[in-house]
Amino acid sequence: MTRPPTAAQRRVIEGADAVTGRLRGTEAQLAALVKRGLAFRHPRPPHDHFLTPAGHRIREEVPEAAPEEPAPSTGVFAARVGGEQEAPASGAARVREVHSAWQGLLELRRMTNPGGATDRPCGWERTHLVRAAALALEAAGHRPAGPDGEGYRVRATPQPEAVAVYAPDEEMLRACAATLERAGWQAGEYTEPRTRVRYLLASPRRV
């Protein structure tokens, strides 16, 4: 049975970039994580170190907050899922932050998808469905729902590898579907039987 990482190694893992898995630490710490299969050294300069899927699993051992009640900001970047009680300030700084996160996600796709494909979601997105779909929507300029409810909302569903996306009108719902499809997701419109509310069911495309 593989030994769990040391406290110092866990701190390095937990400090990895939330989107790309990029690591910061001493050469000895990073080399030890590589040896244990929890990180890899990128072959191209500047030869940064990133979490492997096994490293990501260790990082995600702490359960996430339920998506129906978005957690308040902790200072770490998080895409807007819509409906947050304490949403980050909008403006030019937020636009730059979201753009940087999206570019980092595309780089993660390039590094981890077979053939370096960037046109479909990667493993990180498949294990963080709500955040991944929300990032694709926010990066494309869609407005997340605020206290007034006017905007998109991304929520988890009981179905494996699927999220539900709600919008205040049909036009915005279709625009969200088009954005997700361009980002490598499959999206279809459905109606909730009891409420008759229209929503998208979206899942990451595999091929």
Protein backbone atom coordinates (compact mmCIF):
# COMPACT_ATOMS: atom_id res chain seq x y z
CA MET A 1 0.00 0.00 0.00
CA THR A 2 1.42 3.41 -0.96
CA ARG A 3 2.44 5.58 1.96
CA PRO A 4 0.41 8.79 2.28
CA PRO A 5 2.29 11.99 1.48
CA THR A 6 4.12 13.72 4.30
CA ALA A 7 2.67 16.87 5.84
CA ALA A 8 5.14 18.99 3.85
CA GLN A 9 4.29 17.19 0.60
CA ARG A 10 0.56 17.60 1.30
CA ARG A 11 1.04 21.34 1.79
CA VAL A 12 2.71 21.52 -1.63
CA ILE A 13 -0.12 19.50 -3.19
CA GLU A 14 -2.82 21.61 -1.52
CA GLY A 15 -1.06 24.78 -2.71
CA ALA A 16 -1.27 23.71 -6.38
CA ASP A 17 -3.07 25.96 -8.82
CA ALA A 18 -6.78 25.11 -8.67
CA VAL A 19 -7.14 24.88 -12.45
CA THR A 20 -3.80 23.79 -13.91
CA GLY A 21 -2.36 21.83 -10.97
CA ARG A 22 0.88 23.79 -11.22
CA LEU A 23 3.08 23.24 -8.16
CA ARG A 24 5.41 25.42 -6.15
CA GLY A 25 7.98 23.98 -3.79
CA THR A 26 11.64 23.18 -3.30
CA GLU A 27 13.42 21.01 -5.87
CA ALA A 28 13.61 18.21 -3.28
CA GLN A 29 9.87 18.39 -2.54
CA LEU A 30 8.93 18.41 -6.22
CA ALA A 31 11.35 15.57 -7.03
CA ALA A 32 9.84 13.48 -4.22
CA LEU A 33 6.32 14.03 -5.58
CA VAL A 34 7.49 13.02 -9.07
CA LYS A 35 9.08 9.86 -7.66
CA ARG A 36 5.79 8.93 -5.99
CA GLY A 37 3.79 9.53 -9.17
CA LEU A 38 1.91 12.51 -7.73
CA ALA A 39 3.53 15.11 -10.01
CA PHE A 40 5.30 15.36 -13.33
CA ARG A 41 7.90 17.74 -14.70
CA HIS A 42 6.86 19.44 -17.92
CA PRO A 43 9.35 18.59 -20.69
CA ARG A 44 9.42 22.14 -22.08
CA PRO A 45 10.99 25.22 -20.45
CA PRO A 46 10.53 26.53 -17.83
CA HIS A 47 10.04 22.86 -16.79
CA ASP A 48 7.36 23.57 -14.20
CA HIS A 49 5.88 20.75 -12.15
CA PHE A 50 2.18 19.78 -12.26
CA LEU A 51 -0.05 17.35 -10.40
CA THR A 52 -0.76 14.00 -12.01
CA PRO A 53 -4.33 12.57 -11.79
CA ALA A 54 -3.23 10.75 -8.61
CA GLY A 55 -2.00 14.04 -7.17
CA HIS A 56 -5.30 15.72 -8.04
CA ARG A 57 -7.18 12.96 -6.24
CA ILE A 58 -5.20 13.58 -3.06
CA ARG A 59 -5.78 17.32 -3.38
CA GLU A 60 -9.52 16.75 -3.69
CA GLU A 61 -9.86 14.45 -0.68
CA VAL A 62 -11.50 17.30 1.23
CA PRO A 63 -15.18 17.29 0.14
CA GLU A 64 -16.37 20.27 -1.86
CA ALA A 65 -19.31 22.41 -0.73
CA ALA A 66 -22.68 21.34 -2.09
CA PRO A 67 -23.20 23.11 -5.42
CA GLU A 68 -26.73 24.21 -4.48
CA GLU A 69 -25.20 26.47 -1.82
CA PRO A 70 -22.15 28.07 -3.47
CA ALA A 71 -19.39 28.61 -0.95
CA PRO A 72 -18.17 32.14 -0.21
CA SER A 73 -14.90 33.23 -1.75
CA THR A 74 -11.76 32.00 0.01
CA GLY A 75 -9.32 34.10 -1.95
CA VAL A 76 -8.66 31.26 -4.44
CA PHE A 77 -10.03 31.71 -7.96
CA ALA A 78 -13.39 30.07 -8.56
CA ALA A 79 -15.64 30.47 -11.56
CA ARG A 80 -19.08 31.96 -10.88
CA VAL A 81 -21.70 29.21 -10.79
CA GLY A 82 -24.48 31.75 -10.24
CA GLY A 83 -26.41 32.54 -7.08
CA GLU A 84 -23.43 33.17 -4.79
CA GLN A 85 -24.22 35.19 -1.69
CA GLU A 86 -20.76 36.77 -1.73
CA ALA A 87 -19.81 37.11 -5.38
CA PRO A 88 -16.40 38.51 -6.38
CA ALA A 89 -16.37 42.07 -7.68
CA SER A 90 -16.94 42.42 -11.41
CA GLY A 91 -14.88 44.67 -13.64
CA ALA A 92 -11.65 44.60 -15.63
CA ALA A 93 -9.70 42.74 -12.93
CA ARG A 94 -12.26 39.94 -12.83
CA VAL A 95 -12.29 39.70 -16.65
CA ARG A 96 -8.50 39.30 -16.67
CA GLU A 97 -8.65 36.69 -13.89
CA VAL A 98 -11.29 34.64 -15.72
CA HIS A 99 -9.39 34.89 -19.02
CA SER A 100 -6.20 33.70 -17.32
CA ALA A 101 -8.03 30.75 -15.72
CA TRP A 102 -9.55 29.75 -19.07
CA GLN A 103 -6.18 29.89 -20.81
CA GLY A 104 -4.73 27.78 -18.01
CA LEU A 105 -7.49 25.23 -18.50
CA LEU A 106 -6.80 25.05 -22.24
CA GLU A 107 -3.14 24.45 -21.44
CA LEU A 108 -4.14 21.67 -19.03
CA ARG A 109 -6.20 20.09 -21.84
CA ARG A 110 -3.20 20.30 -24.16
CA MET A 111 -0.94 18.64 -21.61
CA THR A 112 -3.28 15.86 -20.48
CA ASN A 113 -5.62 15.00 -23.38
CA PRO A 114 -4.51 12.37 -25.93
CA GLY A 115 -2.80 14.10 -28.84
CA GLY A 116 -2.81 17.41 -26.97
CA ALA A 117 -6.44 18.09 -27.99
CA THR A 118 -7.82 21.36 -26.60
CA ASP A 119 -11.29 21.06 -28.16
CA ARG A 120 -12.70 18.71 -25.52
CA PRO A 121 -12.68 18.63 -21.70
CA CYS A 122 -9.87 16.96 -19.79
CA GLY A 123 -9.86 14.78 -16.70
CA TRP A 124 -9.88 17.72 -14.27
CA GLU A 125 -13.09 19.03 -15.85
CA ARG A 126 -14.76 15.62 -15.59
CA THR A 127 -14.15 15.57 -11.84
CA HIS A 128 -15.17 19.25 -11.37
CA LEU A 129 -18.18 19.44 -13.66
CA VAL A 130 -19.95 22.42 -12.10
CA ARG A 131 -16.82 24.58 -11.87
CA ALA A 132 -15.65 23.58 -15.35
CA ALA A 133 -18.96 24.40 -17.05
CA ALA A 134 -19.22 27.65 -15.11
CA LEU A 135 -15.72 28.68 -16.19
CA ALA A 136 -16.57 28.05 -19.85
CA LEU A 137 -19.67 30.23 -19.52
CA GLU A 138 -18.04 33.05 -17.56
CA ALA A 139 -14.99 33.11 -19.85
CA ALA A 140 -17.32 33.52 -22.84
CA GLY A 141 -18.87 36.61 -21.24
CA HIS A 142 -22.17 35.21 -19.98
CA ARG A 143 -23.54 36.88 -16.86
CA PRO A 144 -23.88 34.66 -13.77
CA ALA A 145 -27.01 35.01 -11.67
CA GLY A 146 -26.81 37.49 -8.82
CA PRO A 147 -29.24 38.09 -5.97
CA ASP A 148 -31.92 39.09 -8.50
CA GLY A 149 -31.61 35.75 -10.27
CA GLU A 150 -30.96 37.34 -13.66
CA GLY A 151 -28.19 35.22 -15.18
CA TYR A 152 -27.03 31.64 -15.60
CA ARG A 153 -26.87 29.09 -12.78
CA VAL A 154 -24.88 25.84 -13.01
CA ARG A 155 -25.91 23.01 -10.71
CA ALA A 156 -24.94 19.38 -10.12
CA THR A 157 -27.33 16.60 -11.14
CA PRO A 158 -27.79 12.97 -10.06
CA GLN A 159 -26.63 11.89 -13.51
CA PRO A 160 -22.96 10.97 -13.92
CA GLU A 161 -20.90 13.52 -15.86
CA ALA A 162 -23.79 15.95 -16.31
CA VAL A 163 -24.65 19.40 -15.00
CA ALA A 164 -27.84 21.43 -15.28
CA VAL A 165 -27.69 25.01 -16.55
CA TYR A 166 -30.57 27.41 -15.93
CA ALA A 167 -31.10 30.83 -17.51
CA PRO A 168 -33.83 33.48 -17.16
CA ASP A 169 -35.02 33.16 -20.77
CA GLU A 170 -34.87 30.91 -23.84
CA GLU A 171 -32.47 33.19 -25.71
CA MET A 172 -29.84 33.09 -22.97
CA LEU A 173 -30.34 29.35 -22.52
CA ARG A 174 -29.61 28.76 -26.21
CA ALA A 175 -26.58 31.07 -26.04
CA CYS A 176 -25.23 29.10 -23.07
CA ALA A 177 -25.75 25.85 -25.01
CA ALA A 178 -23.80 27.23 -27.98
CA THR A 179 -20.94 28.33 -25.71
CA LEU A 180 -20.70 24.95 -23.99
CA GLU A 181 -20.74 23.11 -27.32
CA ARG A 182 -17.87 25.30 -28.59
CA ALA A 183 -16.02 24.47 -25.36
CA GLY A 184 -16.33 20.72 -26.00
CA TRP A 185 -19.54 19.90 -24.14
CA GLN A 186 -22.75 18.26 -25.34
CA ALA A 187 -25.84 20.24 -24.33
CA GLY A 188 -29.54 19.56 -24.82
CA GLU A 189 -32.65 21.39 -23.65
CA TYR A 190 -35.12 19.72 -21.29
CA THR A 191 -38.19 20.65 -19.27
CA GLU A 192 -38.66 19.90 -15.58
CA PRO A 193 -41.91 17.86 -15.34
CA ARG A 194 -43.36 19.59 -12.29
CA THR A 195 -42.23 23.21 -12.73
CA ARG A 196 -42.10 23.29 -16.55
CA VAL A 197 -38.82 25.20 -16.24
CA ARG A 198 -36.52 24.80 -19.23
CA TYR A 199 -32.88 23.94 -18.59
CA LEU A 200 -29.78 22.52 -20.26
CA LEU A 201 -28.31 19.14 -19.46
CA ALA A 202 -24.64 19.36 -20.39
CA SER A 203 -21.84 16.79 -20.26
CA PRO A 204 -18.20 16.78 -21.41
CA ARG A 205 -17.67 15.38 -24.91
CA ARG A 206 -15.27 12.44 -25.11
CA VAL A 207 -14.44 12.47 -28.86
